[in-house]
PDB file of N, CA and C in Angstrom:
ATOM      1  N   UNK A   1       5.344   4.624   6.084  1.00  0.00           N
ATOM      2  CA  UNK A   1       4.294   4.331   7.030  1.00  0.00           C
ATOM      3  C   UNK A   1       4.772   4.760   8.424  1.00  0.00           C
ATOM      4  N   UNK A   2       3.963   5.539   9.126  1.00  0.00           N
ATOM      5  CA  UNK A   2       4.291   5.995  10.478  1.00  0.00           C
ATOM      6  C   UNK A   2       3.911   4.902  11.471  1.00  0.00           C
ATOM      7  N   UNK A   3       4.846   4.534  12.328  1.00  0.00           N
ATOM      8  CA  UNK A   3       4.617   3.472  13.304  1.00  0.00           C
ATOM      9  C   UNK A   3       4.549   4.056  14.709  1.00  0.00           C
ATOM     10  N   UNK A   4       3.762   3.413  15.570  1.00  0.00           N
ATOM     11  CA  UNK A   4       3.788   3.733  16.992  1.00  0.00           C
ATOM     12  C   UNK A   4       4.424   2.549  17.699  1.00  0.00           C
ATOM     13  N   UNK A   5       4.929   2.754  18.906  1.00  0.00           N
ATOM     14  CA  UNK A   5       5.653   1.693  19.611  1.00  0.00           C
ATOM     15  C   UNK A   5       4.806   0.472  19.923  1.00  0.00           C
ATOM     16  N   UNK A   6       3.481   0.607  19.873  1.00  0.00           N
ATOM     17  CA  UNK A   6       2.627  -0.553  20.120  1.00  0.00           C
ATOM     18  C   UNK A   6       1.881  -0.995  18.862  1.00  0.00           C
ATOM     19  N   UNK A   7       2.344  -0.541  17.703  1.00  0.00           N
ATOM     20  CA  UNK A   7       1.742  -0.959  16.441  1.00  0.00           C
ATOM     21  C   UNK A   7       2.010  -2.439  16.201  1.00  0.00           C
ATOM     22  N   UNK A   8       1.061  -3.120  15.576  1.00  0.00           N
ATOM     23  CA  UNK A   8       1.291  -4.511  15.165  1.00  0.00           C
ATOM     24  C   UNK A   8       1.930  -4.492  13.788  1.00  0.00           C
ATOM     25  N   UNK A   9       3.057  -5.166  13.678  1.00  0.00           N
ATOM     26  CA  UNK A   9       3.802  -5.222  12.423  1.00  0.00           C
ATOM     27  C   UNK A   9       4.065  -6.687  12.113  1.00  0.00           C
ATOM     28  N   UNK A  10       3.616  -7.141  10.963  1.00  0.00           N
ATOM     29  CA  UNK A  10       3.750  -8.554  10.604  1.00  0.00           C
ATOM     30  C   UNK A  10       5.183  -8.897  10.196  1.00  0.00           C
ATOM     31  N   UNK A  11       5.504 -10.181  10.293  1.00  0.00           N
ATOM     32  CA  UNK A  11       6.806 -10.655   9.818  1.00  0.00           C
ATOM     33  C   UNK A  11       6.975 -10.361   8.336  1.00  0.00           C
ATOM     34  N   UNK A  12       5.887 -10.431   7.593  1.00  0.00           N
ATOM     35  CA  UNK A  12       5.938 -10.120   6.168  1.00  0.00           C
ATOM     36  C   UNK A  12       6.388  -8.675   5.957  1.00  0.00           C
ATOM     37  N   UNK A  13       5.842  -7.745   6.737  1.00  0.00           N
ATOM     38  CA  UNK A  13       6.247  -6.339   6.645  1.00  0.00           C
ATOM     39  C   UNK A  13       7.700  -6.170   7.068  1.00  0.00           C
ATOM     40  N   UNK A  14       8.092  -6.820   8.151  1.00  0.00           N
ATOM     41  CA  UNK A  14       9.478  -6.733   8.625  1.00  0.00           C
ATOM     42  C   UNK A  14      10.432  -7.198   7.530  1.00  0.00           C
ATOM     43  N   UNK A  15      10.061  -8.239   6.810  1.00  0.00           N
ATOM     44  CA  UNK A  15      10.941  -8.824   5.789  1.00  0.00           C
ATOM     45  C   UNK A  15      11.277  -7.860   4.654  1.00  0.00           C
ATOM     46  N   UNK A  16      10.501  -6.804   4.494  1.00  0.00           N
ATOM     47  CA  UNK A  16      10.774  -5.833   3.426  1.00  0.00           C
ATOM     48  C   UNK A  16      11.792  -4.776   3.859  1.00  0.00           C
ATOM     49  N   UNK A  17      12.235  -4.838   5.094  1.00  0.00           N
ATOM     50  CA  UNK A  17      13.177  -3.855   5.641  1.00  0.00           C
ATOM     51  C   UNK A  17      14.490  -4.562   5.958  1.00  0.00           C
ATOM     52  N   UNK A  18      15.236  -4.872   4.904  1.00  0.00           N
ATOM     53  CA  UNK A  18      16.403  -5.746   5.043  1.00  0.00           C
ATOM     54  C   UNK A  18      17.678  -5.194   4.412  1.00  0.00           C
ATOM     55  N   UNK A  19      17.872  -3.881   4.549  1.00  0.00           N
ATOM     56  CA  UNK A  19      19.063  -3.278   3.956  1.00  0.00           C
ATOM     57  C   UNK A  19      19.724  -2.317   4.940  1.00  0.00           C
ATOM     58  N   UNK A  20      20.902  -1.849   4.594  1.00  0.00           N
ATOM     59  CA  UNK A  20      21.624  -0.925   5.466  1.00  0.00           C
ATOM     60  C   UNK A  20      20.869   0.390   5.624  1.00  0.00           C
ATOM     61  N   UNK A  21      20.086   0.750   4.615  1.00  0.00           N
ATOM     62  CA  UNK A  21      19.316   1.995   4.662  1.00  0.00           C
ATOM     63  C   UNK A  21      17.935   1.811   5.261  1.00  0.00           C
ATOM     64  N   UNK A  22      17.583   0.588   5.602  1.00  0.00           N
ATOM     65  CA  UNK A  22      16.238   0.285   6.101  1.00  0.00           C
ATOM     66  C   UNK A  22      16.306  -1.062   6.823  1.00  0.00           C
ATOM     67  N   UNK A  23      16.764  -1.044   8.062  1.00  0.00           N
ATOM     68  CA  UNK A  23      17.090  -2.275   8.792  1.00  0.00           C
ATOM     69  C   UNK A  23      16.174  -2.475   9.993  1.00  0.00           C
ATOM     70  N   UNK A  24      15.208  -3.380   9.846  1.00  0.00           N
ATOM     71  CA  UNK A  24      14.320  -3.740  10.944  1.00  0.00           C
ATOM     72  C   UNK A  24      14.654  -5.158  11.377  1.00  0.00           C
ATOM     73  N   UNK A  25      14.580  -5.411  12.671  1.00  0.00           N
ATOM     74  CA  UNK A  25      14.737  -6.764  13.200  1.00  0.00           C
ATOM     75  C   UNK A  25      13.685  -7.000  14.276  1.00  0.00           C
ATOM     76  N   UNK A  26      13.423  -8.279  14.517  1.00  0.00           N
ATOM     77  CA  UNK A  26      12.519  -8.683  15.592  1.00  0.00           C
ATOM     78  C   UNK A  26      13.375  -9.260  16.711  1.00  0.00           C
ATOM     79  N   UNK A  27      13.124  -8.794  17.932  1.00  0.00           N
ATOM     80  CA  UNK A  27      13.768  -9.327  19.131  1.00  0.00           C
ATOM     81  C   UNK A  27      12.692  -9.537  20.174  1.00  0.00           C
ATOM     82  N   UNK A  28      12.531 -10.765  20.614  1.00  0.00           N
ATOM     83  CA  UNK A  28      11.547 -11.096  21.645  1.00  0.00           C
ATOM     84  C   UNK A  28      10.153 -10.588  21.279  1.00  0.00           C
ATOM     85  N   UNK A  29       9.783 -10.788  20.017  1.00  0.00           N
ATOM     86  CA  UNK A  29       8.461 -10.446  19.473  1.00  0.00           C
ATOM     87  C   UNK A  29       8.215  -8.953  19.323  1.00  0.00           C
ATOM     88  N   UNK A  30       9.213  -8.132  19.591  1.00  0.00           N
ATOM     89  CA  UNK A  30       9.122  -6.693  19.360  1.00  0.00           C
ATOM     90  C   UNK A  30       9.882  -6.356  18.086  1.00  0.00           C
ATOM     91  N   UNK A  31       9.420  -5.327  17.379  1.00  0.00           N
ATOM     92  CA  UNK A  31      10.046  -4.911  16.127  1.00  0.00           C
ATOM     93  C   UNK A  31      10.851  -3.637  16.382  1.00  0.00           C
ATOM     94  N   UNK A  32      12.091  -3.655  15.918  1.00  0.00           N
ATOM     95  CA  UNK A  32      12.995  -2.524  16.109  1.00  0.00           C
ATOM     96  C   UNK A  32      13.515  -2.039  14.760  1.00  0.00           C
ATOM     97  N   UNK A  33      13.532  -0.719  14.581  1.00  0.00           N
ATOM     98  CA  UNK A  33      14.141  -0.106  13.406  1.00  0.00           C
ATOM     99  C   UNK A  33      15.558   0.282  13.812  1.00  0.00           C
ATOM    100  N   UNK A  34      16.522  -0.519  13.393  1.00  0.00           N
ATOM    101  CA  UNK A  34      17.916  -0.310  13.786  1.00  0.00           C
ATOM    102  C   UNK A  34      18.732   0.410  12.717  1.00  0.00           C
ATOM    103  N   UNK A  35      18.043   1.024  11.759  1.00  0.00           N
ATOM    104  CA  UNK A  35      18.725   1.712  10.666  1.00  0.00           C
ATOM    105  C   UNK A  35      19.767   2.705  11.183  1.00  0.00           C
ATOM    106  N   UNK A  36      19.404   3.503  12.168  1.00  0.00           N
ATOM    107  CA  UNK A  36      20.321   4.518  12.698  1.00  0.00           C
ATOM    108  C   UNK A  36      21.462   3.908  13.510  1.00  0.00           C
ATOM    109  N   UNK A  37      21.330   2.647  13.894  1.00  0.00           N
ATOM    110  CA  UNK A  37      22.317   1.984  14.747  1.00  0.00           C
ATOM    111  C   UNK A  37      23.247   1.050  13.971  1.00  0.00           C
ATOM    112  N   UNK A  38      22.898   0.723  12.742  1.00  0.00           N
ATOM    113  CA  UNK A  38      23.649  -0.281  11.974  1.00  0.00           C
ATOM    114  C   UNK A  38      25.147  -0.008  11.992  1.00  0.00           C
ATOM    115  N   UNK A  39      25.553   1.192  11.641  1.00  0.00           N
ATOM    116  CA  UNK A  39      26.982   1.496  11.554  1.00  0.00           C
ATOM    117  C   UNK A  39      27.645   1.697  12.911  1.00  0.00           C
ATOM    118  N   UNK A  40      26.859   1.750  13.988  1.00  0.00           N
ATOM    119  CA  UNK A  40      27.407   1.904  15.338  1.00  0.00           C
ATOM    120  C   UNK A  40      27.510   0.570  16.080  1.00  0.00           C
ATOM    121  N   UNK A  41      26.966  -0.488  15.512  1.00  0.00           N
ATOM    122  CA  UNK A  41      26.962  -1.782  16.189  1.00  0.00           C
ATOM    123  C   UNK A  41      28.399  -2.226  16.452  1.00  0.00           C
ATOM    124  N   UNK A  42      28.736  -2.523  17.708  1.00  0.00           N
ATOM    125  CA  UNK A  42      30.112  -2.904  18.053  1.00  0.00           C
ATOM    126  C   UNK A  42      30.636  -4.112  17.279  1.00  0.00           C
ATOM    127  N   UNK A  43      29.760  -5.009  16.889  1.00  0.00           N
ATOM    128  CA  UNK A  43      30.172  -6.188  16.138  1.00  0.00           C
ATOM    129  C   UNK A  43      30.240  -5.954  14.636  1.00  0.00           C
ATOM    130  N   UNK A  44      29.934  -4.738  14.209  1.00  0.00           N
ATOM    131  CA  UNK A  44      29.958  -4.393  12.798  1.00  0.00           C
ATOM    132  C   UNK A  44      28.585  -4.444  12.155  1.00  0.00           C
ATOM    133  N   UNK A  45      28.422  -3.685  11.105  1.00  0.00           N
ATOM    134  CA  UNK A  45      27.149  -3.606  10.386  1.00  0.00           C
ATOM    135  C   UNK A  45      26.744  -4.959   9.814  1.00  0.00           C
ATOM    136  N   UNK A  46      27.725  -5.748   9.381  1.00  0.00           N
ATOM    137  CA  UNK A  46      27.428  -7.033   8.746  1.00  0.00           C
ATOM    138  C   UNK A  46      26.610  -7.943   9.648  1.00  0.00           C
ATOM    139  N   UNK A  47      26.902  -7.903  10.943  1.00  0.00           N
ATOM    140  CA  UNK A  47      26.192  -8.759  11.898  1.00  0.00           C
ATOM    141  C   UNK A  47      24.705  -8.415  11.907  1.00  0.00           C
ATOM    142  N   UNK A  48      24.386  -7.137  11.968  1.00  0.00           N
ATOM    143  CA  UNK A  48      22.977  -6.735  11.956  1.00  0.00           C
ATOM    144  C   UNK A  48      22.337  -7.016  10.605  1.00  0.00           C
ATOM    145  N   UNK A  49      23.052  -6.727   9.543  1.00  0.00           N
ATOM    146  CA  UNK A  49      22.480  -6.914   8.209  1.00  0.00           C
ATOM    147  C   UNK A  49      22.194  -8.382   7.901  1.00  0.00           C
ATOM    148  N   UNK A  50      22.942  -9.274   8.513  1.00  0.00           N
ATOM    149  CA  UNK A  50      22.687 -10.709   8.348  1.00  0.00           C
ATOM    150  C   UNK A  50      21.291 -11.075   8.850  1.00  0.00           C
ATOM    151  N   UNK A  51      20.782 -10.319   9.808  1.00  0.00           N
ATOM    152  CA  UNK A  51      19.479 -10.605  10.406  1.00  0.00           C
ATOM    153  C   UNK A  51      18.422  -9.564  10.064  1.00  0.00           C
ATOM    154  N   UNK A  52      18.764  -8.603   9.237  1.00  0.00           N
ATOM    155  CA  UNK A  52      17.810  -7.555   8.853  1.00  0.00           C
ATOM    156  C   UNK A  52      16.599  -8.173   8.172  1.00  0.00           C
ATOM    157  N   UNK A  53      15.425  -7.700   8.568  1.00  0.00           N
ATOM    158  CA  UNK A  53      14.190  -8.202   7.976  1.00  0.00           C
ATOM    159  C   UNK A  53      13.741  -9.535   8.540  1.00  0.00           C
ATOM    160  N   UNK A  54      14.357  -9.968   9.657  1.00  0.00           N
ATOM    161  CA  UNK A  54      14.036 -11.284  10.221  1.00  0.00           C
ATOM    162  C   UNK A  54      13.981 -11.222  11.741  1.00  0.00           C
ATOM    163  N   UNK A  55      13.605 -12.348  12.331  1.00  0.00           N
ATOM    164  CA  UNK A  55      13.639 -12.484  13.779  1.00  0.00           C
ATOM    165  C   UNK A  55      15.076 -12.802  14.173  1.00  0.00           C
ATOM    166  N   UNK A  56      15.677 -11.930  14.959  1.00  0.00           N
ATOM    167  CA  UNK A  56      17.073 -12.082  15.365  1.00  0.00           C
ATOM    168  C   UNK A  56      17.209 -12.510  16.823  1.00  0.00           C
ATOM    169  N   UNK A  57      16.123 -12.968  17.425  1.00  0.00           N
ATOM    170  CA  UNK A  57      16.127 -13.292  18.850  1.00  0.00           C
ATOM    171  C   UNK A  57      17.184 -14.338  19.209  1.00  0.00           C
ATOM    172  N   UNK A  58      17.232 -15.433  18.481  1.00  0.00           N
ATOM    173  CA  UNK A  58      18.198 -16.487  18.815  1.00  0.00           C
ATOM    174  C   UNK A  58      19.631 -16.005  18.648  1.00  0.00           C
ATOM    175  N   UNK A  59      19.903 -15.274  17.577  1.00  0.00           N
ATOM    176  CA  UNK A  59      21.251 -14.745  17.362  1.00  0.00           C
ATOM    177  C   UNK A  59      21.619 -13.768  18.473  1.00  0.00           C
ATOM    178  N   UNK A  60      20.665 -12.964  18.890  1.00  0.00           N
ATOM    179  CA  UNK A  60      20.856 -12.006  19.978  1.00  0.00           C
ATOM    180  C   UNK A  60      21.213 -12.741  21.267  1.00  0.00           C
ATOM    181  N   UNK A  61      20.470 -13.799  21.566  1.00  0.00           N
ATOM    182  CA  UNK A  61      20.735 -14.611  22.766  1.00  0.00           C
ATOM    183  C   UNK A  61      22.098 -15.295  22.665  1.00  0.00           C
ATOM    184  N   UNK A  62      22.383 -15.889  21.517  1.00  0.00           N
ATOM    185  CA  UNK A  62      23.628 -16.631  21.342  1.00  0.00           C
ATOM    186  C   UNK A  62      24.848 -15.723  21.385  1.00  0.00           C
ATOM    187  N   UNK A  63      24.668 -14.445  21.054  1.00  0.00           N
ATOM    188  CA  UNK A  63      25.773 -13.485  21.098  1.00  0.00           C
ATOM    189  C   UNK A  63      26.034 -12.992  22.517  1.00  0.00           C
ATOM    190  N   UNK A  64      25.205 -13.447  23.464  1.00  0.00           N
ATOM    191  CA  UNK A  64      25.403 -13.066  24.857  1.00  0.00           C
ATOM    192  C   UNK A  64      24.894 -11.680  25.192  1.00  0.00           C
ATOM    193  N   UNK A  65      23.899 -11.223  24.454  1.00  0.00           N
ATOM    194  CA  UNK A  65      23.371  -9.874  24.670  1.00  0.00           C
ATOM    195  C   UNK A  65      22.288  -9.796  25.741  1.00  0.00           C
ATOM    196  N   UNK A  66      22.168 -10.793  26.588  1.00  0.00           N
ATOM    197  CA  UNK A  66      21.145 -10.775  27.627  1.00  0.00           C
ATOM    198  C   UNK A  66      21.301  -9.567  28.549  1.00  0.00           C
ATOM    199  N   UNK A  67      22.508  -9.012  28.632  1.00  0.00           N
ATOM    200  CA  UNK A  67      22.737  -7.863  29.506  1.00  0.00           C
ATOM    201  C   UNK A  67      22.302  -6.547  28.874  1.00  0.00           C
ATOM    202  N   UNK A  68      21.965  -6.565  27.592  1.00  0.00           N
ATOM    203  CA  UNK A  68      21.469  -5.349  26.945  1.00  0.00           C
ATOM    204  C   UNK A  68      20.078  -5.085  27.492  1.00  0.00           C
ATOM    205  N   UNK A  69      19.913  -3.945  28.115  1.00  0.00           N
ATOM    206  CA  UNK A  69      18.641  -3.654  28.770  1.00  0.00           C
ATOM    207  C   UNK A  69      17.576  -3.239  27.764  1.00  0.00           C
ATOM    208  N   UNK A  70      16.346  -3.488  28.162  1.00  0.00           N
ATOM    209  CA  UNK A  70      15.212  -3.095  27.334  1.00  0.00           C
ATOM    210  C   UNK A  70      15.217  -1.584  27.115  1.00  0.00           C
ATOM    211  N   UNK A  71      15.668  -0.829  28.112  1.00  0.00           N
ATOM    212  CA  UNK A  71      15.690   0.629  27.975  1.00  0.00           C
ATOM    213  C   UNK A  71      16.665   1.080  26.891  1.00  0.00           C
ATOM    214  N   UNK A  72      17.703   0.292  26.665  1.00  0.00           N
ATOM    215  CA  UNK A  72      18.661   0.629  25.606  1.00  0.00           C
ATOM    216  C   UNK A  72      18.068   0.368  24.218  1.00  0.00           C
ATOM    217  N   UNK A  73      17.195  -0.618  24.126  1.00  0.00           N
ATOM    218  CA  UNK A  73      16.540  -0.927  22.857  1.00  0.00           C
ATOM    219  C   UNK A  73      15.307  -0.057  22.611  1.00  0.00           C
ATOM    220  N   UNK A  74      14.700   0.426  23.671  1.00  0.00           N
ATOM    221  CA  UNK A  74      13.425   1.149  23.587  1.00  0.00           C
ATOM    222  C   UNK A  74      13.389   2.267  22.536  1.00  0.00           C
ATOM    223  N   UNK A  75      14.433   3.081  22.400  1.00  0.00           N
ATOM    224  CA  UNK A  75      14.366   4.152  21.396  1.00  0.00           C
ATOM    225  C   UNK A  75      14.184   3.643  19.962  1.00  0.00           C
ATOM    226  N   UNK A  76      14.554   2.402  19.721  1.00  0.00           N
ATOM    227  CA  UNK A  76      14.466   1.837  18.378  1.00  0.00           C
ATOM    228  C   UNK A  76      13.186   1.039  18.150  1.00  0.00           C
ATOM    229  N   UNK A  77      12.424   0.815  19.205  1.00  0.00           N
ATOM    230  CA  UNK A  77      11.207   0.001  19.092  1.00  0.00           C
ATOM    231  C   UNK A  77      10.144   0.745  18.296  1.00  0.00           C
ATOM    232  N   UNK A  78       9.573   0.034  17.315  1.00  0.00           N
ATOM    233  CA  UNK A  78       8.520   0.646  16.501  1.00  0.00           C
ATOM    234  C   UNK A  78       7.220  -0.138  16.568  1.00  0.00           C
ATOM    235  N   UNK A  79       7.230  -1.290  17.197  1.00  0.00           N
ATOM    236  CA  UNK A  79       6.003  -2.072  17.303  1.00  0.00           C
ATOM    237  C   UNK A  79       6.286  -3.476  17.783  1.00  0.00           C
ATOM    238  N   UNK A  80       5.297  -4.338  17.586  1.00  0.00           N
ATOM    239  CA  UNK A  80       5.445  -5.741  17.965  1.00  0.00           C
ATOM    240  C   UNK A  80       4.742  -6.614  16.939  1.00  0.00           C
ATOM    241  N   UNK A  81       5.125  -7.885  16.938  1.00  0.00           N
ATOM    242  CA  UNK A  81       4.473  -8.837  16.049  1.00  0.00           C
ATOM    243  C   UNK A  81       3.046  -9.081  16.531  1.00  0.00           C
ATOM    244  N   UNK A  82       2.134  -9.415  15.606  1.00  0.00           N
ATOM    245  CA  UNK A  82       0.808  -9.868  16.034  1.00  0.00           C
ATOM    246  C   UNK A  82       0.992 -11.148  16.853  1.00  0.00           C
ATOM    247  N   UNK A  83       0.168 -11.361  17.856  1.00  0.00           N
ATOM    248  CA  UNK A  83       0.367 -12.500  18.761  1.00  0.00           C
ATOM    249  C   UNK A  83       0.415 -13.840  18.040  1.00  0.00           C
ATOM    250  N   UNK A  84      -0.308 -13.990  16.936  1.00  0.00           N
ATOM    251  CA  UNK A  84      -0.284 -15.281  16.233  1.00  0.00           C
ATOM    252  C   UNK A  84       1.066 -15.549  15.555  1.00  0.00           C
ATOM    253  N   UNK A  85       1.943 -14.544  15.495  1.00  0.00           N
ATOM    254  CA  UNK A  85       3.273 -14.726  14.912  1.00  0.00           C
ATOM    255  C   UNK A  85       4.378 -14.760  15.973  1.00  0.00           C
ATOM    256  N   UNK A  86       4.002 -14.720  17.235  1.00  0.00           N
ATOM    257  CA  UNK A  86       4.999 -14.708  18.300  1.00  0.00           C
ATOM    258  C   UNK A  86       5.827 -15.979  18.294  1.00  0.00           C
ATOM    259  N   UNK A  87       7.087 -15.818  18.625  1.00  0.00           N
ATOM    260  CA  UNK A  87       8.065 -16.888  18.700  1.00  0.00           C
ATOM    261  C   UNK A  87       8.338 -17.157  20.173  1.00  0.00           C
ATOM    262  N   UNK A  88       8.173 -18.399  20.595  1.00  0.00           N
ATOM    263  CA  UNK A  88       8.408 -18.765  21.991  1.00  0.00           C
ATOM    264  C   UNK A  88       9.876 -19.136  22.171  1.00  0.00           C
ATOM    265  N   UNK A  89      10.696 -18.143  22.448  1.00  0.00           N
ATOM    266  CA  UNK A  89      12.136 -18.353  22.545  1.00  0.00           C
ATOM    267  C   UNK A  89      12.502 -19.300  23.685  1.00  0.00           C
ATOM    268  N   UNK A  90      11.764 -19.286  24.776  1.00  0.00           N
ATOM    269  CA  UNK A  90      12.059 -20.189  25.897  1.00  0.00           C
ATOM    270  C   UNK A  90      11.849 -21.651  25.511  1.00  0.00           C
ATOM    271  N   UNK A  91      10.886 -21.905  24.646  1.00  0.00           N
ATOM    272  CA  UNK A  91      10.619 -23.284  24.229  1.00  0.00           C
ATOM    273  C   UNK A  91      11.733 -23.786  23.318  1.00  0.00           C
ATOM    274  N   UNK A  92      12.234 -22.920  22.451  1.00  0.00           N
ATOM    275  CA  UNK A  92      13.239 -23.316  21.473  1.00  0.00           C
ATOM    276  C   UNK A  92      14.660 -23.149  22.005  1.00  0.00           C
ATOM    277  N   UNK A  93      14.873 -22.142  22.825  1.00  0.00           N
ATOM    278  CA  UNK A  93      16.209 -21.823  23.329  1.00  0.00           C
ATOM    279  C   UNK A  93      16.113 -21.607  24.831  1.00  0.00           C
ATOM    280  N   UNK A  94      15.906 -22.687  25.603  1.00  0.00           N
ATOM    281  CA  UNK A  94      15.652 -22.555  27.042  1.00  0.00           C
ATOM    282  C   UNK A  94      16.865 -22.045  27.815  1.00  0.00           C
ATOM    283  N   UNK A  95      16.574 -21.373  28.912  1.00  0.00           N
ATOM    284  CA  UNK A  95      17.624 -20.938  29.831  1.00  0.00           C
ATOM    285  C   UNK A  95      17.666 -21.916  30.996  1.00  0.00           C
ATOM    286  N   UNK A  96      18.682 -21.833  31.813  1.00  0.00           N
ATOM    287  CA  UNK A  96      18.803 -22.742  32.951  1.00  0.00           C
ATOM    288  C   UNK A  96      17.640 -22.603  33.917  1.00  0.00           C
ATOM    289  N   UNK A  97      17.039 -21.424  33.974  1.00  0.00           N
ATOM    290  CA  UNK A  97      15.939 -21.208  34.910  1.00  0.00           C
ATOM    291  C   UNK A  97      14.583 -21.604  34.333  1.00  0.00           C
ATOM    292  N   UNK A  98      14.550 -21.979  33.060  1.00  0.00           N
ATOM    293  CA  UNK A  98      13.258 -22.333  32.464  1.00  0.00           C
ATOM    294  C   UNK A  98      12.793 -23.700  32.945  1.00  0.00           C
ATOM    295  N   UNK A  99      11.522 -23.948  32.778  1.00  0.00           N
ATOM    296  CA  UNK A  99      10.937 -25.201  33.253  1.00  0.00           C
ATOM    297  C   UNK A  99      11.495 -26.425  32.531  1.00  0.00           C
ATOM    298  N   UNK A 100      12.100 -26.222  31.379  1.00  0.00           N
ATOM    299  CA  UNK A 100      12.673 -27.351  30.649  1.00  0.00           C
ATOM    300  C   UNK A 100      13.749 -28.026  31.490  1.00  0.00           C
ATOM    301  N   UNK A 101      14.495 -27.246  32.270  1.00  0.00           N
ATOM    302  CA  UNK A 101      15.568 -27.802  33.078  1.00  0.00           C
ATOM    303  C   UNK A 101      15.132 -28.176  34.488  1.00  0.00           C
ATOM    304  N   UNK A 102      13.988 -27.691  34.922  1.00  0.00           N
ATOM    305  CA  UNK A 102      13.590 -27.929  36.302  1.00  0.00           C
ATOM    306  C   UNK A 102      12.454 -28.925  36.451  1.00  0.00           C
ATOM    307  N   UNK A 103      11.855 -29.331  35.353  1.00  0.00           N
ATOM    308  CA  UNK A 103      10.735 -30.260  35.462  1.00  0.00           C
ATOM    309  C   UNK A 103      11.212 -31.695  35.275  1.00  0.00           C
ATOM    310  N   UNK A 104      10.383 -32.613  35.692  1.00  0.00           N
ATOM    311  CA  UNK A 104      10.676 -34.025  35.512  1.00  0.00           C
ATOM    312  C   UNK A 104      10.417 -34.379  34.053  1.00  0.00           C
ATOM    313  N   UNK A 105      11.353 -35.037  33.398  1.00  0.00           N
ATOM    314  CA  UNK A 105      11.159 -35.371  31.990  1.00  0.00           C
ATOM    315  C   UNK A 105       9.979 -36.316  31.797  1.00  0.00           C
ATOM    316  N   UNK A 106       9.309 -36.153  30.673  1.00  0.00           N
ATOM    317  CA  UNK A 106       8.200 -37.052  30.335  1.00  0.00           C
ATOM    318  C   UNK A 106       8.767 -38.376  29.861  1.00  0.00           C
ATOM    319  N   UNK A 107       8.049 -39.416  30.129  1.00  0.00           N
ATOM    320  CA  UNK A 107       8.438 -40.735  29.650  1.00  0.00           C
ATOM    321  C   UNK A 107       7.494 -41.084  28.513  1.00  0.00           C
ATOM    322  N   UNK A 108       8.079 -41.344  27.358  1.00  0.00           N
ATOM    323  CA  UNK A 108       7.254 -41.700  26.209  1.00  0.00           C
ATOM    324  C   UNK A 108       6.894 -43.173  26.274  1.00  0.00           C
ATOM    325  N   UNK A 109       5.671 -43.519  25.888  1.00  0.00           N
ATOM    326  CA  UNK A 109       5.264 -44.938  25.923  1.00  0.00           C
ATOM    327  C   UNK A 109       6.031 -45.763  24.915  1.00  0.00           C
TER     328      UNK A 109
END
């Protein structure tokens, strides 16, 4: 299937691309075909393959890859998730600048 960079690709479709010869991952709701990059990954192919066919956003954040620029990922981008499948990474994995740390906590009754 030929993809364009703004194609909608479901998580179900991404899940079928989970091998060294066909490695897709989701990062920040965008879908990337990292097949050509698997063996070049500085942390080793195993790290990418562990997340192949899945959303790797949290692992990407936890590995400290925030400095990896979007322009470096852009050549591998093949589409994005449909909006109803988007993952709100800030809600689940907040940063110090997110509203979770700057707002007044709610008081439960």
